[in-house]
Amino acid sequence: MKRPLELVELVELAQRLNAASAADDWSALAAIDRDLAAALPRSAGRGPGTAGERAAWTSLRQAHRSAQQRCGRESALLGERLSALRTNKEGWLAYAVQEHREGSAS
């Protein structure tokens, strides 16, 4: 069995989450999320730990929650953009056809 997460690893995960979220680095966020999902079972049932470890877990939880909220907001914005594109699809197509016809006539 692999060892539980150490204090340094908890702090590093929280820092990586915060940095990737602030940079809108979705690929990094996905990779960190996979790392976290793989590492969490190693620490399950370990007990409360030291005061430093509890603080690091709290920091990691906050970083994860913040990243989730950031992803949720970005997802909503992308949904709005896609909806606007669908709404204006006919206009975009008509414009493209007109541009094509004018380009072909030259």
N, C-alpha and C. Protein backbone atom coordinates (compact mmCIF):
# COMPACT_ATOMS: atom_id res chain seq x y z
N MET A 1 0.84 -1.18 0.00
CA MET A 1 0.00 0.00 0.00
C MET A 1 0.88 1.25 0.00
N LYS A 2 0.50 2.24 -0.75
CA LYS A 2 1.27 3.47 -0.82
C LYS A 2 1.04 4.29 0.45
N ARG A 3 1.99 5.16 0.74
CA ARG A 3 1.92 5.97 1.94
C ARG A 3 0.88 7.08 1.81
N PRO A 4 0.35 7.57 2.94
CA PRO A 4 -0.61 8.68 2.90
C PRO A 4 0.06 9.96 2.42
N LEU A 5 -0.76 10.92 2.03
CA LEU A 5 -0.23 12.21 1.62
C LEU A 5 0.50 12.87 2.78
N GLU A 6 1.64 13.44 2.48
CA GLU A 6 2.43 14.15 3.47
C GLU A 6 2.05 15.63 3.44
N LEU A 7 2.42 16.33 4.50
CA LEU A 7 2.12 17.75 4.63
C LEU A 7 2.59 18.53 3.41
N VAL A 8 3.82 18.28 2.97
CA VAL A 8 4.38 19.00 1.82
C VAL A 8 3.56 18.74 0.56
N GLU A 9 3.11 17.52 0.38
CA GLU A 9 2.29 17.18 -0.80
C GLU A 9 0.94 17.89 -0.75
N LEU A 10 0.36 17.98 0.44
CA LEU A 10 -0.93 18.67 0.58
C LEU A 10 -0.78 20.14 0.21
N VAL A 11 0.27 20.76 0.73
CA VAL A 11 0.53 22.18 0.43
C VAL A 11 0.78 22.37 -1.05
N GLU A 12 1.57 21.47 -1.65
CA GLU A 12 1.87 21.57 -3.08
C GLU A 12 0.61 21.42 -3.93
N LEU A 13 -0.24 20.47 -3.59
CA LEU A 13 -1.50 20.29 -4.34
C LEU A 13 -2.36 21.53 -4.27
N ALA A 14 -2.47 22.12 -3.09
CA ALA A 14 -3.26 23.35 -2.94
C ALA A 14 -2.67 24.48 -3.77
N GLN A 15 -1.35 24.62 -3.76
CA GLN A 15 -0.70 25.67 -4.54
C GLN A 15 -0.89 25.44 -6.04
N ARG A 16 -0.74 24.19 -6.47
CA ARG A 16 -0.94 23.87 -7.89
C ARG A 16 -2.38 24.15 -8.31
N LEU A 17 -3.34 23.78 -7.47
CA LEU A 17 -4.75 24.05 -7.78
C LEU A 17 -5.00 25.55 -7.92
N ASN A 18 -4.50 26.32 -6.95
CA ASN A 18 -4.70 27.77 -6.99
C ASN A 18 -4.05 28.40 -8.22
N ALA A 19 -2.84 27.98 -8.54
CA ALA A 19 -2.14 28.55 -9.70
C ALA A 19 -2.83 28.19 -11.01
N ALA A 20 -3.22 26.94 -11.16
CA ALA A 20 -3.88 26.52 -12.40
C ALA A 20 -5.24 27.20 -12.56
N SER A 21 -5.95 27.34 -11.46
CA SER A 21 -7.26 28.00 -11.51
C SER A 21 -7.11 29.47 -11.88
N ALA A 22 -6.14 30.14 -11.26
CA ALA A 22 -5.92 31.56 -11.56
C ALA A 22 -5.50 31.78 -13.00
N ALA A 23 -4.79 30.80 -13.58
CA ALA A 23 -4.32 30.91 -14.96
C ALA A 23 -5.31 30.37 -15.98
N ASP A 24 -6.47 29.90 -15.50
CA ASP A 24 -7.44 29.26 -16.41
C ASP A 24 -6.78 28.13 -17.20
N ASP A 25 -5.91 27.40 -16.54
CA ASP A 25 -5.20 26.29 -17.18
C ASP A 25 -6.01 25.01 -16.96
N TRP A 26 -6.95 24.77 -17.86
CA TRP A 26 -7.91 23.67 -17.69
C TRP A 26 -7.22 22.32 -17.76
N SER A 27 -6.21 22.18 -18.60
CA SER A 27 -5.48 20.91 -18.70
C SER A 27 -4.77 20.61 -17.38
N ALA A 28 -4.13 21.63 -16.81
CA ALA A 28 -3.44 21.43 -15.53
C ALA A 28 -4.45 21.10 -14.43
N LEU A 29 -5.59 21.78 -14.44
CA LEU A 29 -6.62 21.49 -13.43
C LEU A 29 -7.10 20.05 -13.54
N ALA A 30 -7.28 19.58 -14.75
CA ALA A 30 -7.71 18.19 -14.93
C ALA A 30 -6.65 17.22 -14.42
N ALA A 31 -5.38 17.52 -14.71
CA ALA A 31 -4.30 16.64 -14.26
C ALA A 31 -4.20 16.65 -12.73
N ILE A 32 -4.32 17.82 -12.12
CA ILE A 32 -4.26 17.92 -10.66
C ILE A 32 -5.43 17.18 -10.04
N ASP A 33 -6.58 17.31 -10.65
CA ASP A 33 -7.76 16.61 -10.13
C ASP A 33 -7.55 15.10 -10.18
N ARG A 34 -6.95 14.60 -11.26
CA ARG A 34 -6.65 13.17 -11.36
C ARG A 34 -5.63 12.76 -10.28
N ASP A 35 -4.60 13.59 -10.10
CA ASP A 35 -3.59 13.31 -9.07
C ASP A 35 -4.25 13.25 -7.69
N LEU A 36 -5.12 14.19 -7.43
CA LEU A 36 -5.79 14.27 -6.14
C LEU A 36 -6.70 13.05 -5.93
N ALA A 37 -7.44 12.70 -6.96
CA ALA A 37 -8.33 11.54 -6.86
C ALA A 37 -7.55 10.25 -6.61
N ALA A 38 -6.38 10.15 -7.20
CA ALA A 38 -5.55 8.96 -7.00
C ALA A 38 -4.92 8.95 -5.60
N ALA A 39 -4.61 10.12 -5.07
CA ALA A 39 -3.90 10.22 -3.79
C ALA A 39 -4.82 10.16 -2.58
N LEU A 40 -6.05 10.62 -2.71
CA LEU A 40 -6.94 10.69 -1.55
C LEU A 40 -7.17 9.35 -0.85
N PRO A 41 -7.38 8.26 -1.58
CA PRO A 41 -7.60 6.99 -0.89
C PRO A 41 -6.44 6.57 0.02
N ARG A 42 -5.22 7.03 -0.33
CA ARG A 42 -4.06 6.68 0.50
C ARG A 42 -4.16 7.30 1.90
N SER A 43 -4.90 8.39 2.03
CA SER A 43 -4.99 9.08 3.31
C SER A 43 -6.29 8.80 4.04
N ALA A 44 -7.17 8.03 3.44
CA ALA A 44 -8.48 7.75 4.05
C ALA A 44 -8.28 6.97 5.35
N GLY A 45 -9.01 7.34 6.36
CA GLY A 45 -8.99 6.63 7.63
C GLY A 45 -7.72 6.82 8.43
N ARG A 46 -6.95 7.80 8.09
CA ARG A 46 -5.66 8.02 8.74
C ARG A 46 -5.81 8.69 10.10
N GLY A 47 -6.88 9.38 10.33
CA GLY A 47 -7.03 10.10 11.59
C GLY A 47 -6.82 11.59 11.38
N PRO A 48 -6.96 12.37 12.43
CA PRO A 48 -6.94 13.82 12.30
C PRO A 48 -5.58 14.41 11.93
N GLY A 49 -4.48 13.76 12.26
CA GLY A 49 -3.16 14.28 11.92
C GLY A 49 -2.75 15.43 12.82
N THR A 50 -1.63 16.04 12.47
CA THR A 50 -1.10 17.16 13.24
C THR A 50 -1.88 18.43 12.91
N ALA A 51 -1.63 19.46 13.70
CA ALA A 51 -2.28 20.76 13.43
C ALA A 51 -1.88 21.26 12.05
N GLY A 52 -0.62 21.09 11.67
CA GLY A 52 -0.16 21.51 10.35
C GLY A 52 -0.84 20.75 9.24
N GLU A 53 -1.03 19.45 9.43
CA GLU A 53 -1.72 18.65 8.42
C GLU A 53 -3.18 19.05 8.31
N ARG A 54 -3.81 19.30 9.42
CA ARG A 54 -5.22 19.73 9.38
C ARG A 54 -5.34 21.06 8.64
N ALA A 55 -4.41 21.98 8.91
CA ALA A 55 -4.42 23.28 8.21
C ALA A 55 -4.19 23.08 6.71
N ALA A 56 -3.28 22.15 6.37
CA ALA A 56 -3.01 21.89 4.95
C ALA A 56 -4.22 21.27 4.26
N TRP A 57 -4.92 20.35 4.95
CA TRP A 57 -6.15 19.75 4.39
C TRP A 57 -7.20 20.84 4.18
N THR A 58 -7.32 21.76 5.13
CA THR A 58 -8.29 22.86 5.01
C THR A 58 -7.93 23.74 3.81
N SER A 59 -6.66 24.04 3.66
CA SER A 59 -6.20 24.84 2.52
C SER A 59 -6.47 24.12 1.19
N LEU A 60 -6.22 22.82 1.17
CA LEU A 60 -6.47 22.03 -0.04
C LEU A 60 -7.96 22.00 -0.36
N ARG A 61 -8.79 21.82 0.67
CA ARG A 61 -10.25 21.83 0.46
C ARG A 61 -10.71 23.16 -0.12
N GLN A 62 -10.19 24.26 0.44
CA GLN A 62 -10.57 25.58 -0.06
C GLN A 62 -10.10 25.80 -1.49
N ALA A 63 -8.88 25.37 -1.79
CA ALA A 63 -8.36 25.50 -3.16
C ALA A 63 -9.20 24.69 -4.13
N HIS A 64 -9.59 23.49 -3.72
CA HIS A 64 -10.41 22.63 -4.58
C HIS A 64 -11.78 23.25 -4.80
N ARG A 65 -12.39 23.74 -3.73
CA ARG A 65 -13.70 24.38 -3.83
C ARG A 65 -13.63 25.60 -4.75
N SER A 66 -12.59 26.40 -4.59
CA SER A 66 -12.41 27.58 -5.43
C SER A 66 -12.24 27.19 -6.90
N ALA A 67 -11.45 26.15 -7.15
CA ALA A 67 -11.25 25.68 -8.53
C ALA A 67 -12.56 25.16 -9.12
N GLN A 68 -13.33 24.43 -8.30
CA GLN A 68 -14.64 23.94 -8.77
C GLN A 68 -15.56 25.10 -9.14
N GLN A 69 -15.57 26.13 -8.30
CA GLN A 69 -16.41 27.28 -8.59
C GLN A 69 -15.95 27.99 -9.85
N ARG A 70 -14.64 28.12 -10.02
CA ARG A 70 -14.09 28.76 -11.22
C ARG A 70 -14.48 27.96 -12.46
N CYS A 71 -14.36 26.65 -12.38
CA CYS A 71 -14.75 25.80 -13.51
C CYS A 71 -16.25 25.92 -13.80
N GLY A 72 -17.05 25.99 -12.75
CA GLY A 72 -18.49 26.14 -12.92
C GLY A 72 -18.85 27.44 -13.61
N ARG A 73 -18.18 28.53 -13.18
CA ARG A 73 -18.45 29.83 -13.82
C ARG A 73 -18.03 29.82 -15.29
N GLU A 74 -16.87 29.24 -15.56
CA GLU A 74 -16.39 29.19 -16.94
C GLU A 74 -17.30 28.31 -17.80
N SER A 75 -17.77 27.22 -17.23
CA SER A 75 -18.69 26.33 -17.94
C SER A 75 -19.98 27.07 -18.29
N ALA A 76 -20.48 27.86 -17.35
CA ALA A 76 -21.70 28.63 -17.60
C ALA A 76 -21.46 29.66 -18.71
N LEU A 77 -20.31 30.33 -18.69
CA LEU A 77 -19.99 31.30 -19.74
C LEU A 77 -19.89 30.63 -21.11
N LEU A 78 -19.26 29.47 -21.15
CA LEU A 78 -19.15 28.75 -22.42
C LEU A 78 -20.53 28.32 -22.91
N GLY A 79 -21.38 27.90 -21.99
CA GLY A 79 -22.75 27.54 -22.36
C GLY A 79 -23.49 28.72 -22.96
N GLU A 80 -23.30 29.90 -22.38
CA GLU A 80 -23.94 31.10 -22.92
C GLU A 80 -23.41 31.42 -24.31
N ARG A 81 -22.10 31.29 -24.50
CA ARG A 81 -21.50 31.56 -25.82
C ARG A 81 -22.03 30.59 -26.87
N LEU A 82 -22.10 29.31 -26.50
CA LEU A 82 -22.62 28.32 -27.44
C LEU A 82 -24.07 28.58 -27.77
N SER A 83 -24.84 28.97 -26.78
CA SER A 83 -26.24 29.30 -27.01
C SER A 83 -26.37 30.48 -27.97
N ALA A 84 -25.53 31.49 -27.76
CA ALA A 84 -25.56 32.66 -28.66
C ALA A 84 -25.17 32.26 -30.07
N LEU A 85 -24.19 31.39 -30.20
CA LEU A 85 -23.80 30.93 -31.54
C LEU A 85 -24.94 30.16 -32.21
N ARG A 86 -25.62 29.31 -31.43
CA ARG A 86 -26.75 28.56 -31.99
C ARG A 86 -27.87 29.52 -32.41
N THR A 87 -28.12 30.51 -31.58
CA THR A 87 -29.17 31.48 -31.87
C THR A 87 -28.87 32.24 -33.16
N ASN A 88 -27.60 32.56 -33.39
CA ASN A 88 -27.22 33.35 -34.55
C ASN A 88 -26.71 32.51 -35.72
N LYS A 89 -26.91 31.20 -35.64
CA LYS A 89 -26.38 30.28 -36.65
C LYS A 89 -26.86 30.63 -38.05
N GLU A 90 -28.14 30.89 -38.20
CA GLU A 90 -28.67 31.18 -39.53
C GLU A 90 -28.04 32.44 -40.10
N GLY A 91 -27.85 33.43 -39.26
CA GLY A 91 -27.20 34.66 -39.72
C GLY A 91 -25.77 34.43 -40.15
N TRP A 92 -25.02 33.65 -39.37
CA TRP A 92 -23.65 33.34 -39.72
C TRP A 92 -23.59 32.56 -41.04
N LEU A 93 -24.50 31.61 -41.22
CA LEU A 93 -24.52 30.82 -42.45
C LEU A 93 -24.85 31.69 -43.66
N ALA A 94 -25.85 32.56 -43.50
CA ALA A 94 -26.22 33.46 -44.60
C ALA A 94 -25.05 34.36 -44.97
N TYR A 95 -24.37 34.88 -43.96
CA TYR A 95 -23.21 35.74 -44.20
C TYR A 95 -22.12 34.96 -44.93
N ALA A 96 -21.85 33.74 -44.51
CA ALA A 96 -20.81 32.92 -45.14
C ALA A 96 -21.16 32.62 -46.59
N VAL A 97 -22.42 32.29 -46.85
CA VAL A 97 -22.86 32.00 -48.23
C VAL A 97 -22.70 33.25 -49.08
N GLN A 98 -23.10 34.39 -48.56
CA GLN A 98 -23.00 35.65 -49.31
C GLN A 98 -21.54 35.97 -49.61
N GLU A 99 -20.66 35.81 -48.62
CA GLU A 99 -19.23 36.05 -48.83
C GLU A 99 -18.67 35.10 -49.89
N HIS A 100 -19.11 33.84 -49.85
CA HIS A 100 -18.65 32.87 -50.82
C HIS A 100 -19.10 33.26 -52.23
N ARG A 101 -20.36 33.67 -52.35
CA ARG A 101 -20.89 34.07 -53.67
C ARG A 101 -20.13 35.29 -54.20
N GLU A 102 -19.90 36.25 -53.33
CA GLU A 102 -19.18 37.46 -53.78
C GLU A 102 -17.75 37.13 -54.15
N GLY A 103 -17.14 36.21 -53.41
CA GLY A 103 -15.75 35.80 -53.72
C GLY A 103 -15.67 35.03 -55.02
N SER A 104 -16.71 34.25 -55.31
CA SER A 104 -16.74 33.44 -56.53
C SER A 104 -16.98 34.30 -57.75
N ALA A 105 -17.70 35.43 -57.58
CA ALA A 105 -18.04 36.30 -58.69
C ALA A 105 -16.84 37.11 -59.15
N SER A 106 -15.82 37.24 -58.34
CA SER A 106 -14.65 38.06 -58.69
C SER A 106 -13.77 37.40 -59.69
